[in-house]
Amino acid sequence: MAPKNADNGEDSDDDTAKLNEEIAKMAAEKKAKKEKEEEERLAKLGTNITANKEGAGILMLTTKPGDATHFPKKGDTCKVHYVGTLDDGTMFDSSRAREQAFTFKLGKGMVIRAWDEAVKLMSKGQEVKLTVPPMYGYGVNGYPPIIPANSTLTFELELVSFSDFTREK
């Protein structure tokens, strides 16, 4: 049997229920706040463009919008500028440093999977920041001695231009 409240003689069950409700409300608010903070943190990293059931994927954040009307297709010859860095910020490659854009055929496996996945979503002139988990980059082997095994990479990537010679004919 619950003790009586000394002030008004009511059972403390009402007080306990109110306290439990308040605790549950505070816990829900705390959980919602944590979820919102995590969403904001991920939004700063970019949109997961290749989400899988484990949640791992390529994060793409637009840093400069493109023309939003011209998008490359599989087989197009794409010209990009890029800067690649390791998790610790070490730059491992840069077309900008060489002052020469890099050219490849989209969707033909000429570049890491992350690039094929991201570039097909970019419009001409768009610049993005890609966060690339190992499975979309150089995987478990890396690219010794430049890129260690299982490395998450970051790329600043700009779609300079692209052309599809079959559409032009």
C-alpha atoms as a PDB file:
ATOM      1  CA  MET A   1       0.000   0.000   0.000  1.00  0.00           C
ATOM      2  CA  ALA A   2       1.320   3.434  -0.957  1.00  0.00           C
ATOM      3  CA  PRO A   3       1.856   5.974   1.806  1.00  0.00           C
ATOM      4  CA  LYS A   4      -0.462   8.932   2.133  1.00  0.00           C
ATOM      5  CA  ASN A   5       0.721  12.395   1.121  1.00  0.00           C
ATOM      6  CA  ALA A   6       1.126  14.282   4.376  1.00  0.00           C
ATOM      7  CA  ASP A   7      -0.079  17.598   2.887  1.00  0.00           C
ATOM      8  CA  ASN A   8      -3.473  16.649   1.547  1.00  0.00           C
ATOM      9  CA  GLY A   9      -4.018  13.022   2.382  1.00  0.00           C
ATOM     10  CA  GLU A  10      -4.003  11.866  -1.263  1.00  0.00           C
ATOM     11  CA  ASP A  11      -2.195   8.724  -2.304  1.00  0.00           C
ATOM     12  CA  SER A  12       1.226   9.357  -3.759  1.00  0.00           C
ATOM     13  CA  ASP A  13       0.260   7.174  -6.759  1.00  0.00           C
ATOM     14  CA  ASP A  14      -0.930  10.314  -8.577  1.00  0.00           C
ATOM     15  CA  ASP A  15       2.378  12.043  -7.876  1.00  0.00           C
ATOM     16  CA  THR A  16       4.321   8.991  -9.030  1.00  0.00           C
ATOM     17  CA  ALA A  17       2.321   8.800 -12.261  1.00  0.00           C
ATOM     18  CA  LYS A  18       2.900  12.504 -12.917  1.00  0.00           C
ATOM     19  CA  LEU A  19       6.612  12.099 -12.207  1.00  0.00           C
ATOM     20  CA  ASN A  20       6.828   9.094 -14.548  1.00  0.00           C
ATOM     21  CA  GLU A  21       5.049  11.076 -17.280  1.00  0.00           C
ATOM     22  CA  GLU A  22       7.487  13.947 -16.840  1.00  0.00           C
ATOM     23  CA  ILE A  23      10.480  11.582 -16.974  1.00  0.00           C
ATOM     24  CA  ALA A  24       9.123   9.931 -20.138  1.00  0.00           C
ATOM     25  CA  LYS A  25       8.539  13.353 -21.703  1.00  0.00           C
ATOM     26  CA  MET A  26      12.087  14.469 -20.875  1.00  0.00           C
ATOM     27  CA  ALA A  27      13.534  11.232 -22.289  1.00  0.00           C
ATOM     28  CA  ALA A  28      11.544  11.663 -25.523  1.00  0.00           C
ATOM     29  CA  GLU A  29      12.712  15.280 -25.854  1.00  0.00           C
ATOM     30  CA  LYS A  30      16.326  14.226 -25.274  1.00  0.00           C
ATOM     31  CA  LYS A  31      16.021  11.463 -27.892  1.00  0.00           C
ATOM     32  CA  ALA A  32      14.448  13.861 -30.414  1.00  0.00           C
ATOM     33  CA  LYS A  33      17.218  16.395 -29.789  1.00  0.00           C
ATOM     34  CA  LYS A  34      19.915  13.743 -30.345  1.00  0.00           C
ATOM     35  CA  GLU A  35      18.239  12.575 -33.567  1.00  0.00           C
ATOM     36  CA  LYS A  36      18.016  16.163 -34.825  1.00  0.00           C
ATOM     37  CA  GLU A  37      21.690  16.800 -34.010  1.00  0.00           C
ATOM     38  CA  GLU A  38      22.681  13.628 -35.890  1.00  0.00           C
ATOM     39  CA  GLU A  39      20.575  14.671 -38.903  1.00  0.00           C
ATOM     40  CA  GLU A  40      22.243  18.099 -38.884  1.00  0.00           C
ATOM     41  CA  ARG A  41      25.704  16.524 -38.600  1.00  0.00           C
ATOM     42  CA  LEU A  42      25.010  14.223 -41.551  1.00  0.00           C
ATOM     43  CA  ALA A  43      23.488  17.070 -43.572  1.00  0.00           C
ATOM     44  CA  LYS A  44      26.791  18.918 -43.261  1.00  0.00           C
ATOM     45  CA  LEU A  45      28.543  15.881 -44.760  1.00  0.00           C
ATOM     46  CA  GLY A  46      26.046  15.560 -47.605  1.00  0.00           C
ATOM     47  CA  THR A  47      23.341  13.310 -48.958  1.00  0.00           C
ATOM     48  CA  ASN A  48      23.956   9.575 -48.933  1.00  0.00           C
ATOM     49  CA  ILE A  49      23.631   8.760 -52.638  1.00  0.00           C
ATOM     50  CA  THR A  50      24.296   5.026 -52.313  1.00  0.00           C
ATOM     51  CA  ALA A  51      22.694   4.047 -49.019  1.00  0.00           C
ATOM     52  CA  ASN A  52      22.567   0.333 -48.380  1.00  0.00           C
ATOM     53  CA  LYS A  53      21.052  -1.688 -45.549  1.00  0.00           C
ATOM     54  CA  GLU A  54      24.135  -1.085 -43.393  1.00  0.00           C
ATOM     55  CA  GLY A  55      23.834   2.662 -43.978  1.00  0.00           C
ATOM     56  CA  ALA A  56      27.283   2.919 -45.548  1.00  0.00           C
ATOM     57  CA  GLY A  57      27.457   4.945 -48.690  1.00  0.00           C
ATOM     58  CA  ILE A  58      28.916   7.856 -50.563  1.00  0.00           C
ATOM     59  CA  LEU A  59      28.072  11.224 -49.038  1.00  0.00           C
ATOM     60  CA  MET A  60      27.733  14.045 -51.569  1.00  0.00           C
ATOM     61  CA  LEU A  61      27.488  17.700 -50.578  1.00  0.00           C
ATOM     62  CA  THR A  62      27.048  20.370 -53.242  1.00  0.00           C
ATOM     63  CA  THR A  63      29.470  23.237 -52.648  1.00  0.00           C
ATOM     64  CA  LYS A  64      28.634  25.066 -55.888  1.00  0.00           C
ATOM     65  CA  PRO A  65      25.528  24.393 -57.967  1.00  0.00           C
ATOM     66  CA  GLY A  66      25.871  23.591 -61.636  1.00  0.00           C
ATOM     67  CA  ASP A  67      23.569  24.593 -64.482  1.00  0.00           C
ATOM     68  CA  ALA A  68      20.965  22.044 -63.274  1.00  0.00           C
ATOM     69  CA  THR A  69      19.961  21.252 -66.862  1.00  0.00           C
ATOM     70  CA  HIS A  70      22.839  19.311 -68.422  1.00  0.00           C
ATOM     71  CA  PHE A  71      23.627  15.907 -66.875  1.00  0.00           C
ATOM     72  CA  PRO A  72      26.036  13.296 -68.241  1.00  0.00           C
ATOM     73  CA  LYS A  73      24.921   9.800 -69.206  1.00  0.00           C
ATOM     74  CA  LYS A  74      26.707   6.462 -69.125  1.00  0.00           C
ATOM     75  CA  GLY A  75      29.369   6.428 -71.825  1.00  0.00           C
ATOM     76  CA  ASP A  76      29.803  10.211 -71.954  1.00  0.00           C
ATOM     77  CA  THR A  77      33.364  11.515 -71.835  1.00  0.00           C
ATOM     78  CA  CYS A  78      33.556  13.603 -68.665  1.00  0.00           C
ATOM     79  CA  LYS A  79      36.166  16.185 -67.766  1.00  0.00           C
ATOM     80  CA  VAL A  80      36.590  16.854 -64.031  1.00  0.00           C
ATOM     81  CA  HIS A  81      38.837  18.715 -61.659  1.00  0.00           C
ATOM     82  CA  TYR A  82      39.441  17.085 -58.293  1.00  0.00           C
ATOM     83  CA  VAL A  83      41.413  17.167 -55.071  1.00  0.00           C
ATOM     84  CA  GLY A  84      41.652  13.891 -53.143  1.00  0.00           C
ATOM     85  CA  THR A  85      42.507  13.735 -49.445  1.00  0.00           C
ATOM     86  CA  LEU A  86      42.851  11.063 -46.784  1.00  0.00           C
ATOM     87  CA  ASP A  87      40.960  11.141 -43.476  1.00  0.00           C
ATOM     88  CA  ASP A  88      43.836  13.008 -41.828  1.00  0.00           C
ATOM     89  CA  GLY A  89      43.660  15.741 -44.479  1.00  0.00           C
ATOM     90  CA  THR A  90      46.730  14.620 -46.431  1.00  0.00           C
ATOM     91  CA  MET A  91      46.286  15.399 -50.124  1.00  0.00           C
ATOM     92  CA  PHE A  92      47.157  12.370 -52.249  1.00  0.00           C
ATOM     93  CA  ASP A  93      46.245  13.673 -55.710  1.00  0.00           C
ATOM     94  CA  SER A  94      44.984  16.817 -57.429  1.00  0.00           C
ATOM     95  CA  SER A  95      44.201  17.718 -61.018  1.00  0.00           C
ATOM     96  CA  ARG A  96      44.077  21.339 -59.883  1.00  0.00           C
ATOM     97  CA  ALA A  97      47.697  21.185 -58.713  1.00  0.00           C
ATOM     98  CA  ARG A  98      48.649  19.832 -62.157  1.00  0.00           C
ATOM     99  CA  GLU A  99      46.434  22.473 -63.787  1.00  0.00           C
ATOM    100  CA  GLN A 100      44.987  19.801 -66.052  1.00  0.00           C
ATOM    101  CA  ALA A 101      41.476  18.361 -65.787  1.00  0.00           C
ATOM    102  CA  PHE A 102      41.064  14.586 -65.746  1.00  0.00           C
ATOM    103  CA  THR A 103      39.024  12.889 -68.495  1.00  0.00           C
ATOM    104  CA  PHE A 104      37.187   9.543 -68.302  1.00  0.00           C
ATOM    105  CA  LYS A 105      34.180   7.713 -69.748  1.00  0.00           C
ATOM    106  CA  LEU A 106      31.291   7.665 -67.274  1.00  0.00           C
ATOM    107  CA  GLY A 107      30.062   4.287 -66.077  1.00  0.00           C
ATOM    108  CA  LYS A 108      32.811   2.281 -67.761  1.00  0.00           C
ATOM    109  CA  GLY A 109      34.840   1.449 -64.630  1.00  0.00           C
ATOM    110  CA  MET A 110      37.709   3.769 -65.540  1.00  0.00           C
ATOM    111  CA  VAL A 111      37.537   5.458 -62.111  1.00  0.00           C
ATOM    112  CA  ILE A 112      36.593   4.439 -58.591  1.00  0.00           C
ATOM    113  CA  ARG A 113      32.949   3.499 -58.158  1.00  0.00           C
ATOM    114  CA  ALA A 114      32.241   6.627 -56.096  1.00  0.00           C
ATOM    115  CA  TRP A 115      33.051   8.846 -59.060  1.00  0.00           C
ATOM    116  CA  ASP A 116      30.823   6.898 -61.455  1.00  0.00           C
ATOM    117  CA  GLU A 117      27.981   7.083 -58.907  1.00  0.00           C
ATOM    118  CA  ALA A 118      28.433  10.789 -58.129  1.00  0.00           C
ATOM    119  CA  VAL A 119      29.233  12.264 -61.548  1.00  0.00           C
ATOM    120  CA  LYS A 120      26.073  10.823 -63.108  1.00  0.00           C
ATOM    121  CA  LEU A 121      24.094  12.921 -60.594  1.00  0.00           C
ATOM    122  CA  MET A 122      26.022  16.141 -61.228  1.00  0.00           C
ATOM    123  CA  SER A 123      25.180  18.888 -63.680  1.00  0.00           C
ATOM    124  CA  LYS A 124      27.701  20.811 -65.741  1.00  0.00           C
ATOM    125  CA  GLY A 125      29.730  23.188 -63.569  1.00  0.00           C
ATOM    126  CA  GLN A 126      28.601  21.636 -60.278  1.00  0.00           C
ATOM    127  CA  GLU A 127      31.145  21.230 -57.508  1.00  0.00           C
ATOM    128  CA  VAL A 128      30.697  18.692 -54.723  1.00  0.00           C
ATOM    129  CA  LYS A 129      32.463  17.282 -51.723  1.00  0.00           C
ATOM    130  CA  LEU A 130      32.399  13.483 -51.660  1.00  0.00           C
ATOM    131  CA  THR A 131      33.038  11.376 -48.584  1.00  0.00           C
ATOM    132  CA  VAL A 132      33.907   7.939 -49.926  1.00  0.00           C
ATOM    133  CA  PRO A 133      33.933   4.796 -47.760  1.00  0.00           C
ATOM    134  CA  PRO A 134      36.467   2.110 -48.736  1.00  0.00           C
ATOM    135  CA  MET A 135      33.941  -0.083 -50.566  1.00  0.00           C
ATOM    136  CA  TYR A 136      33.356   2.748 -53.082  1.00  0.00           C
ATOM    137  CA  GLY A 137      37.013   3.776 -53.238  1.00  0.00           C
ATOM    138  CA  TYR A 138      40.098   1.581 -53.143  1.00  0.00           C
ATOM    139  CA  GLY A 139      38.704  -1.086 -50.799  1.00  0.00           C
ATOM    140  CA  VAL A 140      40.531  -3.411 -48.471  1.00  0.00           C
ATOM    141  CA  ASN A 141      43.769  -3.236 -50.453  1.00  0.00           C
ATOM    142  CA  GLY A 142      44.066   0.516 -50.850  1.00  0.00           C
ATOM    143  CA  TYR A 143      46.512   1.836 -53.431  1.00  0.00           C
ATOM    144  CA  PRO A 144      49.922   1.418 -51.767  1.00  0.00           C
ATOM    145  CA  PRO A 145      51.910   3.381 -50.936  1.00  0.00           C
ATOM    146  CA  ILE A 146      49.636   6.355 -51.606  1.00  0.00           C
ATOM    147  CA  ILE A 147      46.308   5.216 -50.155  1.00  0.00           C
ATOM    148  CA  PRO A 148      46.292   2.869 -47.135  1.00  0.00           C
ATOM    149  CA  ALA A 149      43.991  -0.157 -46.986  1.00  0.00           C
ATOM    150  CA  ASN A 150      40.383   0.506 -45.923  1.00  0.00           C
ATOM    151  CA  SER A 151      40.717   4.272 -46.304  1.00  0.00           C
ATOM    152  CA  THR A 152      37.780   6.652 -46.278  1.00  0.00           C
ATOM    153  CA  LEU A 153      38.569   9.349 -48.821  1.00  0.00           C
ATOM    154  CA  THR A 154      37.345  12.878 -49.446  1.00  0.00           C
ATOM    155  CA  PHE A 155      37.174  14.416 -52.894  1.00  0.00           C
ATOM    156  CA  GLU A 156      36.425  17.939 -53.997  1.00  0.00           C
ATOM    157  CA  LEU A 157      35.035  17.249 -57.456  1.00  0.00           C
ATOM    158  CA  GLU A 158      33.964  19.629 -60.235  1.00  0.00           C
ATOM    159  CA  LEU A 159      32.217  18.513 -63.426  1.00  0.00           C
ATOM    160  CA  VAL A 160      33.900  20.842 -65.911  1.00  0.00           C
ATOM    161  CA  SER A 161      32.294  19.447 -69.053  1.00  0.00           C
ATOM    162  CA  PHE A 162      31.129  16.296 -70.751  1.00  0.00           C
ATOM    163  CA  SER A 163      30.357  15.157 -74.263  1.00  0.00           C
ATOM    164  CA  ASP A 164      28.469  12.323 -75.865  1.00  0.00           C
ATOM    165  CA  PHE A 165      29.686  11.899 -79.402  1.00  0.00           C
ATOM    166  CA  THR A 166      26.804   9.568 -80.289  1.00  0.00           C
ATOM    167  CA  ARG A 167      24.233  12.294 -79.539  1.00  0.00           C
ATOM    168  CA  GLU A 168      26.167  14.909 -81.486  1.00  0.00           C
ATOM    169  CA  LYS A 169      26.168  12.897 -84.721  1.00  0.00           C
END
